[in-house]
Amino acid sequence: MVAELASCHEGNKHLAAEMVRQLAGHADIVKLQFGHRRDDPLRYVGREFAEYARGAADFYGCELMASIFSDEGLDLARHLGMQRYKIAHQTFLDESKTGLVSQIIADGRETFISRHVSPTERPSNVRWIFVHPKYPADPEDGMPDWFDDFYGYSSHLRGPEACVLAAARGAQYLEAHVTLNKASQSLRDHAFALSPAEFADMARHARAVSRLLEAM
């Protein structure tokens, strides 16, 4: 269960830590985004912020992971000694970032990569995650009937139901955006992100569905 903080912390490390606190016990992993431009204060995460968030994650019993968008972001993830990495859909498809993607995979850590079409290549440390490229997505945009080609699902839909459905279809990794303020208009993420309470409900139901699926 991966809680994507994205930029819903709005550049405030204390808000990020509070998000981690409210997600503790429900999210296995909380995820930030590393490598945005320094002149984008709502999205940029520097070393002090990252170390503070890592401390909060350690204290509350979550793992901190990052989507990596630049060489600076990769250096920051390495500095923190992260166990796993994430590569966003747009980064993976960006031809100018082919070298960055190769570096991330070459580190040998478990790496989750979001994409929309079934993968043909399967590096041993890569886990392919289905995501619809629309942001936010709509229910009619769909998801795989069964998660044979994908390890998991990253939701850009409103509400927790899509993640529960993905669990019922065999997804082993579930990722959803989280916010403490759905009404904020500062970033588009807020409007479709889950509240911590919604994430907790999603995680509870998805885990129950996965156990049932394994037993049947």
N, C-alpha and C. Protein backbone atom coordinates (compact mmCIF):
# COMPACT_ATOMS: atom_id res chain seq x y z
N MET A 1 0.85 -1.18 0.00
CA MET A 1 0.00 0.00 0.00
C MET A 1 0.89 1.24 0.00
N VAL A 2 0.83 1.99 -1.07
CA VAL A 2 1.73 3.13 -1.26
C VAL A 2 0.92 4.42 -1.27
N ALA A 3 1.20 5.30 -0.34
CA ALA A 3 0.54 6.60 -0.27
C ALA A 3 1.42 7.63 -0.98
N GLU A 4 0.94 8.14 -2.08
CA GLU A 4 1.66 9.11 -2.89
C GLU A 4 1.35 10.51 -2.35
N LEU A 5 2.34 11.10 -1.66
CA LEU A 5 2.15 12.47 -1.17
C LEU A 5 2.27 13.46 -2.31
N ALA A 6 2.94 13.04 -3.40
CA ALA A 6 3.11 13.90 -4.57
C ALA A 6 3.60 15.27 -4.12
N SER A 7 2.86 16.31 -4.49
CA SER A 7 3.22 17.66 -4.05
C SER A 7 2.15 18.23 -3.13
N CYS A 8 1.30 17.37 -2.58
CA CYS A 8 0.23 17.83 -1.70
C CYS A 8 0.74 18.37 -0.37
N HIS A 9 2.03 18.21 -0.11
CA HIS A 9 2.66 18.85 1.04
C HIS A 9 2.92 20.32 0.77
N GLU A 10 2.87 20.73 -0.51
CA GLU A 10 3.05 22.11 -0.95
C GLU A 10 4.35 22.72 -0.45
N GLY A 11 5.38 21.90 -0.38
CA GLY A 11 6.70 22.40 0.01
C GLY A 11 6.91 22.55 1.49
N ASN A 12 5.99 22.08 2.31
CA ASN A 12 6.05 22.24 3.76
C ASN A 12 6.42 20.90 4.39
N LYS A 13 7.63 20.81 4.94
CA LYS A 13 8.09 19.54 5.49
C LYS A 13 7.27 19.11 6.70
N HIS A 14 6.75 20.07 7.45
CA HIS A 14 5.94 19.73 8.62
C HIS A 14 4.59 19.16 8.19
N LEU A 15 4.04 19.68 7.10
CA LEU A 15 2.79 19.12 6.57
C LEU A 15 3.04 17.70 6.06
N ALA A 16 4.17 17.49 5.41
CA ALA A 16 4.51 16.14 4.95
C ALA A 16 4.60 15.17 6.12
N ALA A 17 5.24 15.61 7.21
CA ALA A 17 5.36 14.75 8.39
C ALA A 17 3.99 14.44 8.99
N GLU A 18 3.08 15.40 8.98
CA GLU A 18 1.74 15.16 9.50
C GLU A 18 0.99 14.18 8.61
N MET A 19 1.19 14.28 7.31
CA MET A 19 0.57 13.31 6.40
C MET A 19 1.07 11.91 6.71
N VAL A 20 2.37 11.78 6.96
CA VAL A 20 2.93 10.47 7.31
C VAL A 20 2.31 9.96 8.60
N ARG A 21 2.17 10.84 9.58
CA ARG A 21 1.59 10.41 10.86
C ARG A 21 0.18 9.86 10.68
N GLN A 22 -0.63 10.56 9.87
CA GLN A 22 -2.01 10.12 9.69
C GLN A 22 -2.12 8.85 8.84
N LEU A 23 -1.09 8.56 8.07
CA LEU A 23 -1.10 7.36 7.23
C LEU A 23 -0.47 6.15 7.92
N ALA A 24 0.19 6.37 9.03
CA ALA A 24 0.88 5.30 9.73
C ALA A 24 -0.08 4.19 10.10
N GLY A 25 0.35 2.96 9.85
CA GLY A 25 -0.48 1.79 10.13
C GLY A 25 -1.36 1.39 8.97
N HIS A 26 -1.47 2.25 7.97
CA HIS A 26 -2.29 1.96 6.79
C HIS A 26 -1.42 1.86 5.53
N ALA A 27 -0.47 2.76 5.39
CA ALA A 27 0.45 2.74 4.24
C ALA A 27 1.72 1.98 4.61
N ASP A 28 2.12 1.06 3.76
CA ASP A 28 3.42 0.42 3.94
C ASP A 28 4.55 1.36 3.51
N ILE A 29 4.26 2.14 2.47
CA ILE A 29 5.24 3.06 1.89
C ILE A 29 4.58 4.41 1.71
N VAL A 30 5.29 5.48 2.05
CA VAL A 30 4.86 6.83 1.68
C VAL A 30 5.86 7.34 0.65
N LYS A 31 5.35 8.04 -0.35
CA LYS A 31 6.20 8.40 -1.48
C LYS A 31 6.19 9.90 -1.73
N LEU A 32 7.39 10.43 -1.93
CA LEU A 32 7.59 11.81 -2.33
C LEU A 32 8.07 11.84 -3.77
N GLN A 33 8.26 13.05 -4.29
CA GLN A 33 8.81 13.23 -5.63
C GLN A 33 10.10 14.01 -5.51
N PHE A 34 11.18 13.42 -5.98
CA PHE A 34 12.51 14.04 -5.92
C PHE A 34 12.93 14.49 -7.31
N GLY A 35 13.46 15.71 -7.40
CA GLY A 35 14.07 16.13 -8.65
C GLY A 35 13.31 17.20 -9.41
N HIS A 36 12.28 17.78 -8.79
CA HIS A 36 11.62 18.91 -9.43
C HIS A 36 12.53 20.14 -9.35
N ARG A 37 12.24 21.15 -10.15
CA ARG A 37 13.08 22.34 -10.21
C ARG A 37 13.06 23.10 -8.88
N ARG A 38 14.19 23.72 -8.58
CA ARG A 38 14.30 24.49 -7.34
C ARG A 38 13.40 25.72 -7.34
N ASP A 39 13.06 26.22 -8.54
CA ASP A 39 12.21 27.41 -8.62
C ASP A 39 10.72 27.06 -8.59
N ASP A 40 10.39 25.83 -8.22
CA ASP A 40 9.01 25.38 -8.08
C ASP A 40 8.78 25.02 -6.61
N PRO A 41 8.53 26.02 -5.75
CA PRO A 41 8.54 25.77 -4.30
C PRO A 41 7.44 24.83 -3.81
N LEU A 42 6.36 24.66 -4.54
CA LEU A 42 5.31 23.75 -4.11
C LEU A 42 5.68 22.29 -4.35
N ARG A 43 6.62 22.05 -5.25
CA ARG A 43 6.99 20.68 -5.61
C ARG A 43 8.41 20.30 -5.20
N TYR A 44 9.29 21.28 -5.11
CA TYR A 44 10.71 20.97 -4.87
C TYR A 44 10.92 20.40 -3.46
N VAL A 45 11.68 19.31 -3.41
CA VAL A 45 12.07 18.69 -2.14
C VAL A 45 13.59 18.67 -2.08
N GLY A 46 14.15 19.42 -1.16
CA GLY A 46 15.60 19.46 -0.98
C GLY A 46 16.06 18.48 0.09
N ARG A 47 17.36 18.52 0.38
CA ARG A 47 17.93 17.54 1.32
C ARG A 47 17.34 17.66 2.71
N GLU A 48 17.20 18.89 3.22
CA GLU A 48 16.67 19.07 4.57
C GLU A 48 15.25 18.52 4.66
N PHE A 49 14.42 18.84 3.67
CA PHE A 49 13.04 18.34 3.63
C PHE A 49 13.04 16.82 3.59
N ALA A 50 13.86 16.24 2.70
CA ALA A 50 13.88 14.79 2.53
C ALA A 50 14.33 14.09 3.81
N GLU A 51 15.34 14.63 4.47
CA GLU A 51 15.81 14.02 5.71
C GLU A 51 14.76 14.12 6.81
N TYR A 52 14.04 15.23 6.83
CA TYR A 52 12.97 15.40 7.82
C TYR A 52 11.85 14.39 7.57
N ALA A 53 11.48 14.23 6.31
CA ALA A 53 10.43 13.27 5.96
C ALA A 53 10.88 11.85 6.26
N ARG A 54 12.15 11.55 6.01
CA ARG A 54 12.68 10.21 6.32
C ARG A 54 12.60 9.95 7.82
N GLY A 55 12.93 10.97 8.61
CA GLY A 55 12.83 10.82 10.06
C GLY A 55 11.41 10.54 10.51
N ALA A 56 10.44 11.25 9.91
CA ALA A 56 9.03 11.03 10.25
C ALA A 56 8.60 9.62 9.86
N ALA A 57 9.01 9.18 8.66
CA ALA A 57 8.64 7.84 8.21
C ALA A 57 9.22 6.77 9.13
N ASP A 58 10.47 6.93 9.51
CA ASP A 58 11.09 5.98 10.43
C ASP A 58 10.36 5.96 11.77
N PHE A 59 10.03 7.14 12.27
CA PHE A 59 9.38 7.23 13.59
C PHE A 59 8.02 6.56 13.58
N TYR A 60 7.26 6.75 12.50
CA TYR A 60 5.90 6.23 12.45
C TYR A 60 5.80 4.85 11.79
N GLY A 61 6.94 4.28 11.43
CA GLY A 61 6.95 2.90 10.96
C GLY A 61 6.57 2.71 9.51
N CYS A 62 6.88 3.70 8.65
CA CYS A 62 6.64 3.58 7.22
C CYS A 62 7.98 3.60 6.48
N GLU A 63 7.97 3.07 5.28
CA GLU A 63 9.14 3.20 4.41
C GLU A 63 8.95 4.43 3.53
N LEU A 64 10.02 5.19 3.34
CA LEU A 64 9.98 6.35 2.44
C LEU A 64 10.56 5.95 1.09
N MET A 65 9.81 6.25 0.04
CA MET A 65 10.25 5.99 -1.33
C MET A 65 10.07 7.28 -2.13
N ALA A 66 10.72 7.36 -3.28
CA ALA A 66 10.59 8.57 -4.10
C ALA A 66 10.43 8.23 -5.56
N SER A 67 9.58 9.01 -6.25
CA SER A 67 9.62 9.07 -7.70
C SER A 67 10.76 10.00 -8.07
N ILE A 68 11.59 9.59 -9.02
CA ILE A 68 12.80 10.34 -9.33
C ILE A 68 12.66 10.98 -10.70
N PHE A 69 12.85 12.30 -10.74
CA PHE A 69 12.61 13.06 -11.96
C PHE A 69 13.88 13.67 -12.56
N SER A 70 15.01 13.58 -11.87
CA SER A 70 16.23 14.20 -12.37
C SER A 70 17.44 13.57 -11.69
N ASP A 71 18.63 13.91 -12.20
CA ASP A 71 19.87 13.42 -11.59
C ASP A 71 19.97 13.88 -10.14
N GLU A 72 19.55 15.10 -9.87
CA GLU A 72 19.58 15.60 -8.50
C GLU A 72 18.66 14.76 -7.61
N GLY A 73 17.51 14.38 -8.14
CA GLY A 73 16.60 13.53 -7.38
C GLY A 73 17.19 12.17 -7.09
N LEU A 74 17.90 11.60 -8.06
CA LEU A 74 18.55 10.30 -7.86
C LEU A 74 19.64 10.41 -6.80
N ASP A 75 20.42 11.49 -6.85
CA ASP A 75 21.46 11.69 -5.85
C ASP A 75 20.86 11.78 -4.45
N LEU A 76 19.70 12.44 -4.34
CA LEU A 76 19.05 12.57 -3.03
C LEU A 76 18.55 11.22 -2.54
N ALA A 77 17.97 10.42 -3.43
CA ALA A 77 17.51 9.09 -3.04
C ALA A 77 18.69 8.22 -2.59
N ARG A 78 19.80 8.33 -3.29
CA ARG A 78 20.99 7.58 -2.89
C ARG A 78 21.50 8.05 -1.54
N HIS A 79 21.48 9.35 -1.31
CA HIS A 79 21.92 9.92 -0.04
C HIS A 79 21.12 9.32 1.13
N LEU A 80 19.83 9.13 0.91
CA LEU A 80 18.97 8.58 1.97
C LEU A 80 19.05 7.06 2.07
N GLY A 81 19.72 6.43 1.10
CA GLY A 81 19.83 4.98 1.13
C GLY A 81 18.50 4.28 0.93
N MET A 82 17.68 4.78 0.02
CA MET A 82 16.35 4.21 -0.19
C MET A 82 16.44 2.77 -0.68
N GLN A 83 15.52 1.94 -0.19
CA GLN A 83 15.48 0.53 -0.59
C GLN A 83 14.93 0.35 -1.99
N ARG A 84 13.98 1.23 -2.37
CA ARG A 84 13.26 1.10 -3.63
C ARG A 84 13.10 2.46 -4.28
N TYR A 85 12.93 2.45 -5.61
CA TYR A 85 12.71 3.67 -6.37
C TYR A 85 11.41 3.55 -7.17
N LYS A 86 10.93 4.70 -7.62
CA LYS A 86 9.78 4.75 -8.54
C LYS A 86 10.16 5.64 -9.72
N ILE A 87 9.73 5.22 -10.91
CA ILE A 87 9.88 6.03 -12.11
C ILE A 87 8.48 6.30 -12.64
N ALA A 88 8.13 7.58 -12.74
CA ALA A 88 6.80 7.96 -13.19
C ALA A 88 6.65 7.71 -14.69
N HIS A 89 5.40 7.59 -15.09
CA HIS A 89 5.05 7.32 -16.49
C HIS A 89 5.70 8.33 -17.43
N GLN A 90 5.59 9.63 -17.10
CA GLN A 90 6.10 10.66 -18.00
C GLN A 90 7.63 10.64 -18.07
N THR A 91 8.28 10.26 -16.99
CA THR A 91 9.74 10.18 -16.99
C THR A 91 10.20 9.01 -17.85
N PHE A 92 9.52 7.89 -17.72
CA PHE A 92 9.90 6.70 -18.49
C PHE A 92 9.76 6.94 -19.99
N LEU A 93 8.76 7.72 -20.40
CA LEU A 93 8.52 7.96 -21.83
C LEU A 93 9.32 9.12 -22.39
N ASP A 94 9.93 9.92 -21.54
CA ASP A 94 10.68 11.10 -21.98
C ASP A 94 12.05 10.68 -22.53
N GLU A 95 12.22 10.83 -23.84
CA GLU A 95 13.47 10.39 -24.47
C GLU A 95 14.69 11.13 -23.93
N SER A 96 14.50 12.34 -23.45
CA SER A 96 15.62 13.10 -22.89
C SER A 96 16.07 12.54 -21.54
N LYS A 97 15.27 11.64 -20.95
CA LYS A 97 15.60 11.09 -19.63
C LYS A 97 15.92 9.60 -19.70
N THR A 98 16.24 9.12 -20.91
CA THR A 98 16.60 7.70 -21.07
C THR A 98 17.80 7.35 -20.21
N GLY A 99 18.79 8.24 -20.19
CA GLY A 99 19.98 8.00 -19.39
C GLY A 99 19.67 7.94 -17.91
N LEU A 100 18.79 8.81 -17.44
CA LEU A 100 18.39 8.81 -16.03
C LEU A 100 17.70 7.50 -15.69
N VAL A 101 16.77 7.07 -16.54
CA VAL A 101 16.06 5.82 -16.30
C VAL A 101 17.04 4.65 -16.21
N SER A 102 18.02 4.64 -17.11
CA SER A 102 19.03 3.57 -17.10
C SER A 102 19.83 3.58 -15.81
N GLN A 103 20.19 4.78 -15.34
CA GLN A 103 20.95 4.90 -14.09
C GLN A 103 20.14 4.37 -12.91
N ILE A 104 18.87 4.72 -12.87
CA ILE A 104 18.01 4.29 -11.77
C ILE A 104 17.92 2.77 -11.73
N ILE A 105 17.67 2.17 -12.88
CA ILE A 105 17.56 0.71 -12.94
C ILE A 105 18.90 0.05 -12.61
N ALA A 106 19.99 0.67 -13.09
CA ALA A 106 21.33 0.09 -12.88
C ALA A 106 21.74 0.07 -11.42
N ASP A 107 21.10 0.88 -10.57
CA ASP A 107 21.41 0.84 -9.14
C ASP A 107 21.07 -0.50 -8.52
N GLY A 108 20.20 -1.26 -9.20
CA GLY A 108 19.88 -2.62 -8.75
C GLY A 108 18.81 -2.71 -7.69
N ARG A 109 18.27 -1.59 -7.24
CA ARG A 109 17.21 -1.63 -6.25
C ARG A 109 15.88 -1.98 -6.92
N GLU A 110 14.97 -2.53 -6.15
CA GLU A 110 13.64 -2.78 -6.69
C GLU A 110 13.08 -1.45 -7.20
N THR A 111 12.66 -1.45 -8.45
CA THR A 111 12.22 -0.20 -9.09
C THR A 111 10.85 -0.40 -9.71
N PHE A 112 9.91 0.44 -9.30
CA PHE A 112 8.56 0.41 -9.83
C PHE A 112 8.45 1.43 -10.95
N ILE A 113 7.97 1.00 -12.11
CA ILE A 113 7.83 1.91 -13.25
C ILE A 113 6.38 1.90 -13.71
N SER A 114 5.80 3.09 -13.76
CA SER A 114 4.41 3.22 -14.22
C SER A 114 4.38 3.31 -15.74
N ARG A 115 3.45 2.59 -16.33
CA ARG A 115 3.23 2.69 -17.77
C ARG A 115 1.81 2.24 -18.09
N HIS A 116 1.37 2.52 -19.33
CA HIS A 116 -0.01 2.28 -19.72
C HIS A 116 -0.17 1.04 -20.59
N VAL A 117 0.88 0.65 -21.29
CA VAL A 117 0.80 -0.50 -22.19
C VAL A 117 1.61 -1.65 -21.61
N SER A 118 1.24 -2.86 -21.99
CA SER A 118 1.93 -4.04 -21.46
C SER A 118 3.41 -4.00 -21.81
N PRO A 119 4.28 -4.30 -20.86
CA PRO A 119 5.72 -4.25 -21.11
C PRO A 119 6.19 -5.46 -21.92
N THR A 120 7.25 -5.25 -22.68
CA THR A 120 7.88 -6.35 -23.40
C THR A 120 9.21 -6.72 -22.75
N GLU A 121 9.90 -5.72 -22.19
CA GLU A 121 11.17 -5.97 -21.52
C GLU A 121 10.91 -6.14 -20.02
N ARG A 122 11.71 -7.00 -19.37
CA ARG A 122 11.49 -7.27 -17.95
C ARG A 122 12.82 -7.40 -17.19
N PRO A 123 13.51 -6.28 -16.94
CA PRO A 123 14.71 -6.34 -16.09
C PRO A 123 14.35 -6.96 -14.73
N SER A 124 15.29 -7.68 -14.17
CA SER A 124 14.99 -8.48 -12.97
C SER A 124 14.56 -7.63 -11.77
N ASN A 125 15.01 -6.39 -11.68
CA ASN A 125 14.68 -5.57 -10.52
C ASN A 125 13.53 -4.60 -10.78
N VAL A 126 12.86 -4.71 -11.94
CA VAL A 126 11.79 -3.79 -12.30
C VAL A 126 10.43 -4.44 -12.09
N ARG A 127 9.52 -3.68 -11.48
CA ARG A 127 8.13 -4.07 -11.31
C ARG A 127 7.29 -3.07 -12.12
N TRP A 128 6.52 -3.57 -13.07
CA TRP A 128 5.71 -2.70 -13.92
C TRP A 128 4.37 -2.42 -13.24
N ILE A 129 4.01 -1.14 -13.20
CA ILE A 129 2.80 -0.68 -12.53
C ILE A 129 1.88 -0.03 -13.57
N PHE A 130 0.64 -0.50 -13.64
CA PHE A 130 -0.30 0.09 -14.60
C PHE A 130 -0.78 1.45 -14.10
N VAL A 131 -0.79 2.43 -15.01
CA VAL A 131 -1.36 3.73 -14.70
C VAL A 131 -1.99 4.27 -15.98
N HIS A 132 -3.13 4.94 -15.84
CA HIS A 132 -3.68 5.62 -17.01
C HIS A 132 -3.05 7.00 -17.10
N PRO A 133 -2.59 7.42 -18.28
CA PRO A 133 -1.87 8.69 -18.39
C PRO A 133 -2.71 9.93 -18.14
N LYS A 134 -4.06 9.83 -18.21
CA LYS A 134 -4.89 10.99 -17.90
C LYS A 134 -4.75 11.34 -16.42
N TYR A 135 -4.84 12.64 -16.13
CA TYR A 135 -4.52 13.11 -14.78
C TYR A 135 -5.42 14.28 -14.42
N PRO A 136 -6.54 14.04 -13.74
CA PRO A 136 -7.04 12.76 -13.24
C PRO A 136 -7.69 11.93 -14.33
N ALA A 137 -7.83 10.66 -14.07
CA ALA A 137 -8.47 9.73 -15.00
C ALA A 137 -9.95 9.61 -14.65
N ASP A 138 -10.69 8.99 -15.56
CA ASP A 138 -12.12 8.75 -15.36
C ASP A 138 -12.38 7.24 -15.36
N PRO A 139 -13.47 6.78 -14.75
CA PRO A 139 -13.74 5.34 -14.68
C PRO A 139 -13.73 4.65 -16.03
N GLU A 140 -14.26 5.32 -17.06
CA GLU A 140 -14.32 4.68 -18.38
C GLU A 140 -12.95 4.50 -19.02
N ASP A 141 -11.91 5.09 -18.44
CA ASP A 141 -10.56 4.91 -18.98
C ASP A 141 -10.03 3.50 -18.71
N GLY A 142 -10.57 2.83 -17.72
CA GLY A 142 -10.32 1.41 -17.53
C GLY A 142 -9.01 1.04 -16.85
N MET A 143 -8.85 -0.28 -16.69
CA MET A 143 -7.64 -0.90 -16.14
C MET A 143 -7.60 -2.32 -16.68
N PRO A 144 -6.51 -3.04 -16.50
CA PRO A 144 -6.45 -4.43 -16.99
C PRO A 144 -7.54 -5.31 -16.38
N ASP A 145 -8.02 -6.25 -17.19
CA ASP A 145 -9.00 -7.22 -16.66
C ASP A 145 -8.36 -8.11 -15.60
N TRP A 146 -7.06 -8.35 -15.76
CA TRP A 146 -6.31 -9.13 -14.78
C TRP A 146 -4.86 -8.66 -14.82
N PHE A 147 -4.20 -8.64 -13.67
CA PHE A 147 -2.85 -8.07 -13.59
C PHE A 147 -1.80 -9.14 -13.83
N ASP A 148 -1.85 -9.76 -15.03
CA ASP A 148 -0.81 -10.71 -15.43
C ASP A 148 0.45 -9.98 -15.89
N ASP A 149 0.28 -8.92 -16.67
CA ASP A 149 1.42 -8.19 -17.24
C ASP A 149 1.94 -7.10 -16.33
N PHE A 150 1.18 -6.75 -15.33
CA PHE A 150 1.56 -5.66 -14.43
C PHE A 150 1.58 -6.17 -12.99
N TYR A 151 2.54 -5.67 -12.22
CA TYR A 151 2.66 -6.05 -10.82
C TYR A 151 1.64 -5.30 -9.96
N GLY A 152 1.28 -4.10 -10.39
CA GLY A 152 0.40 -3.31 -9.55
C GLY A 152 -0.30 -2.20 -10.30
N TYR A 153 -0.91 -1.31 -9.52
CA TYR A 153 -1.80 -0.29 -10.07
C TYR A 153 -1.57 1.03 -9.34
N SER A 154 -1.45 2.09 -10.13
CA SER A 154 -1.34 3.44 -9.59
C SER A 154 -2.59 4.20 -10.01
N SER A 155 -3.36 4.67 -9.04
CA SER A 155 -4.66 5.27 -9.34
C SER A 155 -4.58 6.78 -9.49
N HIS A 156 -5.20 7.27 -10.56
CA HIS A 156 -5.42 8.70 -10.73
C HIS A 156 -6.92 9.00 -10.76
N LEU A 157 -7.73 8.06 -10.27
CA LEU A 157 -9.16 8.26 -10.19
C LEU A 157 -9.56 8.83 -8.84
N ARG A 158 -10.71 9.47 -8.81
CA ARG A 158 -11.26 9.94 -7.54
C ARG A 158 -11.79 8.73 -6.76
N GLY A 159 -11.60 8.78 -5.46
CA GLY A 159 -12.15 7.73 -4.61
C GLY A 159 -11.26 6.51 -4.51
N PRO A 160 -11.52 5.66 -3.50
CA PRO A 160 -10.69 4.49 -3.23
C PRO A 160 -11.08 3.23 -3.98
N GLU A 161 -12.22 3.25 -4.68
CA GLU A 161 -12.78 2.01 -5.22
C GLU A 161 -11.90 1.35 -6.27
N ALA A 162 -11.24 2.16 -7.11
CA ALA A 162 -10.43 1.59 -8.19
C ALA A 162 -9.30 0.73 -7.65
N CYS A 163 -8.69 1.15 -6.55
CA CYS A 163 -7.60 0.35 -5.97
C CYS A 163 -8.12 -0.98 -5.44
N VAL A 164 -9.31 -0.97 -4.84
CA VAL A 164 -9.89 -2.21 -4.35
C VAL A 164 -10.20 -3.14 -5.52
N LEU A 165 -10.72 -2.58 -6.62
CA LEU A 165 -10.99 -3.38 -7.80
C LEU A 165 -9.70 -3.97 -8.36
N ALA A 166 -8.63 -3.17 -8.38
CA ALA A 166 -7.34 -3.68 -8.87
C ALA A 166 -6.84 -4.83 -8.00
N ALA A 167 -7.02 -4.73 -6.69
CA ALA A 167 -6.64 -5.82 -5.80
C ALA A 167 -7.41 -7.09 -6.13
N ALA A 168 -8.71 -6.93 -6.45
CA ALA A 168 -9.54 -8.09 -6.81
C ALA A 168 -9.10 -8.69 -8.13
N ARG A 169 -8.41 -7.93 -8.95
CA ARG A 169 -7.92 -8.41 -10.24
C ARG A 169 -6.46 -8.85 -10.18
N GLY A 170 -5.90 -8.93 -8.98
CA GLY A 170 -4.57 -9.50 -8.81
C GLY A 170 -3.42 -8.54 -8.64
N ALA A 171 -3.69 -7.24 -8.54
CA ALA A 171 -2.62 -6.27 -8.32
C ALA A 171 -2.01 -6.46 -6.94
N GLN A 172 -0.68 -6.50 -6.87
CA GLN A 172 0.01 -6.69 -5.60
C GLN A 172 0.57 -5.40 -5.03
N TYR A 173 0.56 -4.34 -5.82
CA TYR A 173 1.06 -3.02 -5.43
C TYR A 173 -0.06 -2.04 -5.74
N LEU A 174 -0.47 -1.26 -4.75
CA LEU A 174 -1.53 -0.27 -4.94
C LEU A 174 -1.02 1.09 -4.49
N GLU A 175 -1.18 2.08 -5.36
CA GLU A 175 -0.69 3.42 -5.07
C GLU A 175 -1.81 4.43 -5.31
N ALA A 176 -2.01 5.33 -4.36
CA ALA A 176 -3.02 6.37 -4.49
C ALA A 176 -2.49 7.66 -3.90
N HIS A 177 -2.86 8.77 -4.52
CA HIS A 177 -2.49 10.10 -4.01
C HIS A 177 -3.27 10.39 -2.73
N VAL A 178 -2.62 11.14 -1.84
CA VAL A 178 -3.22 11.49 -0.56
C VAL A 178 -3.09 12.99 -0.32
N THR A 179 -4.11 13.59 0.26
CA THR A 179 -4.09 15.00 0.61
C THR A 179 -4.77 15.21 1.95
N LEU A 180 -4.43 16.32 2.60
CA LEU A 180 -5.15 16.73 3.80
C LEU A 180 -6.17 17.82 3.48
N ASN A 181 -6.25 18.24 2.21
CA ASN A 181 -7.15 19.34 1.85
C ASN A 181 -7.62 19.19 0.41
N LYS A 182 -8.73 18.48 0.23
CA LYS A 182 -9.25 18.26 -1.11
C LYS A 182 -9.70 19.55 -1.80
N ALA A 183 -10.04 20.56 -1.00
CA ALA A 183 -10.57 21.80 -1.57
C ALA A 183 -9.48 22.75 -2.06
N SER A 184 -8.24 22.46 -1.75
CA SER A 184 -7.16 23.35 -2.19
C SER A 184 -7.08 23.39 -3.71
N GLN A 185 -6.89 24.57 -4.25
CA GLN A 185 -6.77 24.74 -5.69
C GLN A 185 -5.34 25.06 -6.12
N SER A 186 -4.40 24.92 -5.20
CA SER A 186 -3.01 25.26 -5.52
C SER A 186 -2.37 24.25 -6.46
N LEU A 187 -2.83 22.98 -6.40
CA LEU A 187 -2.30 21.92 -7.24
C LEU A 187 -3.45 21.02 -7.67
N ARG A 188 -3.38 20.50 -8.87
CA ARG A 188 -4.47 19.64 -9.37
C ARG A 188 -4.56 18.32 -8.61
N ASP A 189 -3.47 17.90 -7.96
CA ASP A 189 -3.47 16.64 -7.23
C ASP A 189 -4.55 16.59 -6.15
N HIS A 190 -4.80 17.72 -5.49
CA HIS A 190 -5.70 17.73 -4.34
C HIS A 190 -7.09 17.22 -4.69
N ALA A 191 -7.57 17.58 -5.88
CA ALA A 191 -8.97 17.32 -6.22
C ALA A 191 -9.32 15.85 -6.29
N PHE A 192 -8.35 15.00 -6.71
CA PHE A 192 -8.67 13.57 -6.83
C PHE A 192 -7.97 12.71 -5.79
N ALA A 193 -7.15 13.32 -4.95
CA ALA A 193 -6.42 12.55 -3.94
C ALA A 193 -7.37 12.07 -2.83
N LEU A 194 -6.97 11.01 -2.16
CA LEU A 194 -7.74 10.47 -1.04
C LEU A 194 -7.38 11.21 0.25
N SER A 195 -8.34 11.29 1.14
CA SER A 195 -8.02 11.72 2.50
C SER A 195 -7.33 10.55 3.20
N PRO A 196 -6.62 10.80 4.30
CA PRO A 196 -6.04 9.67 5.04
C PRO A 196 -7.08 8.64 5.46
N ALA A 197 -8.28 9.09 5.83
CA ALA A 197 -9.34 8.14 6.23
C ALA A 197 -9.76 7.28 5.04
N GLU A 198 -9.88 7.89 3.85
CA GLU A 198 -10.22 7.11 2.66
C GLU A 198 -9.11 6.13 2.31
N PHE A 199 -7.86 6.57 2.46
CA PHE A 199 -6.75 5.65 2.19
C PHE A 199 -6.80 4.47 3.15
N ALA A 200 -7.09 4.74 4.42
CA ALA A 200 -7.17 3.66 5.41
C ALA A 200 -8.26 2.66 5.04
N ASP A 201 -9.42 3.16 4.61
CA ASP A 201 -10.50 2.26 4.19
C ASP A 201 -10.09 1.45 2.96
N MET A 202 -9.46 2.11 2.01
CA MET A 202 -8.99 1.43 0.80
C MET A 202 -8.03 0.31 1.17
N ALA A 203 -7.05 0.62 2.01
CA ALA A 203 -6.05 -0.38 2.39
C ALA A 203 -6.68 -1.56 3.10
N ARG A 204 -7.62 -1.29 3.99
CA ARG A 204 -8.28 -2.37 4.73
C ARG A 204 -9.05 -3.29 3.79
N HIS A 205 -9.84 -2.71 2.91
CA HIS A 205 -10.64 -3.53 1.99
C HIS A 205 -9.76 -4.25 0.97
N ALA A 206 -8.74 -3.57 0.46
CA ALA A 206 -7.87 -4.19 -0.55
C ALA A 206 -7.09 -5.36 0.05
N ARG A 207 -6.63 -5.21 1.27
CA ARG A 207 -5.92 -6.32 1.92
C ARG A 207 -6.85 -7.50 2.14
N ALA A 208 -8.09 -7.21 2.55
CA ALA A 208 -9.06 -8.30 2.75
C ALA A 208 -9.37 -9.00 1.44
N VAL A 209 -9.55 -8.24 0.38
CA VAL A 209 -9.81 -8.83 -0.94
C VAL A 209 -8.63 -9.69 -1.39
N SER A 210 -7.41 -9.21 -1.17
CA SER A 210 -6.23 -9.98 -1.58
C SER A 210 -6.12 -11.29 -0.82
N ARG A 211 -6.43 -11.26 0.48
CA ARG A 211 -6.41 -12.51 1.25
C ARG A 211 -7.46 -13.47 0.74
N LEU A 212 -8.63 -12.95 0.42
CA LEU A 212 -9.70 -13.81 -0.11
C LEU A 212 -9.31 -14.41 -1.44
N LEU A 213 -8.66 -13.58 -2.30
CA LEU A 213 -8.23 -14.05 -3.62
C LEU A 213 -7.21 -15.17 -3.48
N GLU A 214 -6.30 -15.05 -2.52
CA GLU A 214 -5.29 -16.10 -2.31
C GLU A 214 -5.93 -17.39 -1.79
N ALA A 215 -7.01 -17.26 -1.04
CA ALA A 215 -7.62 -18.44 -0.42
C ALA A 215 -8.54 -19.20 -1.36
N MET A 216 -9.02 -18.54 -2.40
CA MET A 216 -10.02 -19.16 -3.27
C MET A 216 -9.38 -19.96 -4.42
